[in-house]
Amino acid sequence: MTIHELLHLTYFRGGNLELARKALRIQAFSLGWRRRIEERLTKLEEAAG
């Protein structure tokens, strides 16, 4: 995952469920980043219905 992909996902309403899931598999992210990604994934899953 690139920094560009991560920033797009967390700050610019990235709509990619697979990218969010991929990001959560990266163990090196801090708790703060993981929370942001989890929040984004939850919103994406709710929108996908």
N, C-alpha and C. Protein backbone atom coordinates (compact mmCIF):
# COMPACT_ATOMS: atom_id res chain seq x y z
N MET A 1 0.85 -1.17 0.00
CA MET A 1 0.00 0.00 0.00
C MET A 1 0.89 1.23 0.00
N THR A 2 0.56 2.17 -0.85
CA THR A 2 1.34 3.40 -0.93
C THR A 2 0.77 4.44 0.04
N ILE A 3 1.58 5.44 0.34
CA ILE A 3 1.11 6.53 1.19
C ILE A 3 -0.06 7.24 0.51
N HIS A 4 0.03 7.40 -0.79
CA HIS A 4 -1.05 8.03 -1.55
C HIS A 4 -2.36 7.26 -1.36
N GLU A 5 -2.32 5.95 -1.47
CA GLU A 5 -3.53 5.14 -1.28
C GLU A 5 -4.09 5.29 0.12
N LEU A 6 -3.22 5.27 1.11
CA LEU A 6 -3.65 5.40 2.50
C LEU A 6 -4.30 6.76 2.75
N LEU A 7 -3.68 7.83 2.30
CA LEU A 7 -4.24 9.16 2.51
C LEU A 7 -5.57 9.32 1.77
N HIS A 8 -5.65 8.80 0.57
CA HIS A 8 -6.89 8.89 -0.19
C HIS A 8 -8.00 8.14 0.55
N LEU A 9 -7.69 6.99 1.06
CA LEU A 9 -8.66 6.16 1.76
C LEU A 9 -9.16 6.85 3.03
N THR A 10 -8.27 7.46 3.79
CA THR A 10 -8.67 7.99 5.09
C THR A 10 -9.15 9.43 5.06
N TYR A 11 -8.72 10.22 4.09
CA TYR A 11 -9.06 11.64 4.11
C TYR A 11 -9.90 12.13 2.94
N PHE A 12 -9.92 11.38 1.86
CA PHE A 12 -10.58 11.88 0.66
C PHE A 12 -11.72 10.98 0.20
N ARG A 13 -12.38 10.36 1.14
CA ARG A 13 -13.55 9.54 0.87
C ARG A 13 -13.29 8.44 -0.16
N GLY A 14 -12.20 7.77 0.02
CA GLY A 14 -11.92 6.64 -0.86
C GLY A 14 -13.03 5.61 -0.73
N GLY A 15 -13.55 5.14 -1.83
CA GLY A 15 -14.68 4.23 -1.80
C GLY A 15 -14.32 2.79 -2.08
N ASN A 16 -13.13 2.39 -1.76
CA ASN A 16 -12.65 1.08 -2.14
C ASN A 16 -12.63 0.16 -0.92
N LEU A 17 -13.61 -0.75 -0.83
CA LEU A 17 -13.68 -1.68 0.30
C LEU A 17 -12.43 -2.56 0.37
N GLU A 18 -12.00 -3.07 -0.75
CA GLU A 18 -10.84 -3.97 -0.76
C GLU A 18 -9.59 -3.25 -0.28
N LEU A 19 -9.43 -2.00 -0.66
CA LEU A 19 -8.27 -1.23 -0.21
C LEU A 19 -8.32 -1.03 1.30
N ALA A 20 -9.49 -0.77 1.85
CA ALA A 20 -9.63 -0.61 3.30
C ALA A 20 -9.29 -1.91 4.02
N ARG A 21 -9.76 -3.01 3.49
CA ARG A 21 -9.45 -4.32 4.10
C ARG A 21 -7.95 -4.62 4.01
N LYS A 22 -7.37 -4.29 2.88
CA LYS A 22 -5.93 -4.49 2.69
C LYS A 22 -5.15 -3.67 3.73
N ALA A 23 -5.57 -2.43 3.94
CA ALA A 23 -4.88 -1.56 4.89
C ALA A 23 -4.94 -2.13 6.30
N LEU A 24 -6.06 -2.71 6.68
CA LEU A 24 -6.18 -3.27 8.03
C LEU A 24 -5.30 -4.49 8.25
N ARG A 25 -4.87 -5.11 7.19
CA ARG A 25 -3.97 -6.27 7.33
C ARG A 25 -2.52 -5.85 7.58
N ILE A 26 -2.24 -4.56 7.46
CA ILE A 26 -0.88 -4.06 7.69
C ILE A 26 -0.69 -3.81 9.18
N GLN A 27 0.08 -4.65 9.81
CA GLN A 27 0.27 -4.63 11.26
C GLN A 27 1.06 -3.43 11.75
N ALA A 28 1.84 -2.80 10.89
CA ALA A 28 2.73 -1.73 11.30
C ALA A 28 2.02 -0.41 11.58
N PHE A 29 0.77 -0.27 11.17
CA PHE A 29 0.06 0.98 11.40
C PHE A 29 -0.20 1.19 12.88
N SER A 30 -0.09 2.42 13.31
CA SER A 30 -0.37 2.76 14.71
C SER A 30 -1.85 2.58 15.00
N LEU A 31 -2.20 2.60 16.27
CA LEU A 31 -3.58 2.46 16.68
C LEU A 31 -4.45 3.57 16.08
N GLY A 32 -3.92 4.78 16.03
CA GLY A 32 -4.67 5.90 15.45
C GLY A 32 -5.01 5.67 13.99
N TRP A 33 -4.03 5.22 13.22
CA TRP A 33 -4.28 4.93 11.80
C TRP A 33 -5.28 3.79 11.65
N ARG A 34 -5.12 2.76 12.47
CA ARG A 34 -6.02 1.61 12.38
C ARG A 34 -7.46 2.04 12.67
N ARG A 35 -7.64 2.91 13.65
CA ARG A 35 -8.99 3.39 13.97
C ARG A 35 -9.59 4.16 12.80
N ARG A 36 -8.79 5.02 12.17
CA ARG A 36 -9.29 5.76 11.01
C ARG A 36 -9.71 4.82 9.89
N ILE A 37 -8.89 3.82 9.66
CA ILE A 37 -9.18 2.85 8.59
C ILE A 37 -10.42 2.05 8.94
N GLU A 38 -10.54 1.62 10.19
CA GLU A 38 -11.71 0.86 10.61
C GLU A 38 -12.98 1.70 10.46
N GLU A 39 -12.92 2.97 10.82
CA GLU A 39 -14.07 3.86 10.66
C GLU A 39 -14.46 3.97 9.19
N ARG A 40 -13.46 4.13 8.33
CA ARG A 40 -13.73 4.23 6.89
C ARG A 40 -14.35 2.94 6.38
N LEU A 41 -13.82 1.80 6.80
CA LEU A 41 -14.35 0.51 6.36
C LEU A 41 -15.79 0.34 6.80
N THR A 42 -16.10 0.71 8.02
CA THR A 42 -17.48 0.61 8.52
C THR A 42 -18.41 1.45 7.66
N LYS A 43 -18.01 2.68 7.35
CA LYS A 43 -18.85 3.55 6.51
C LYS A 43 -19.02 2.98 5.11
N LEU A 44 -17.97 2.43 4.56
CA LEU A 44 -18.05 1.85 3.23
C LEU A 44 -18.98 0.64 3.20
N GLU A 45 -18.88 -0.21 4.23
CA GLU A 45 -19.73 -1.39 4.29
C GLU A 45 -21.20 -1.00 4.46
N GLU A 46 -21.46 0.03 5.27
CA GLU A 46 -22.83 0.49 5.45
C GLU A 46 -23.39 1.06 4.15
N ALA A 47 -22.56 1.79 3.43
CA ALA A 47 -23.00 2.38 2.16
C ALA A 47 -23.27 1.30 1.10
N ALA A 48 -22.48 0.21 1.17
CA ALA A 48 -22.64 -0.87 0.20
C ALA A 48 -23.91 -1.68 0.49
N GLY A 49 -24.38 -1.57 1.73
CA GLY A 49 -25.64 -2.18 2.12
C GLY A 49 -25.63 -3.63 2.21
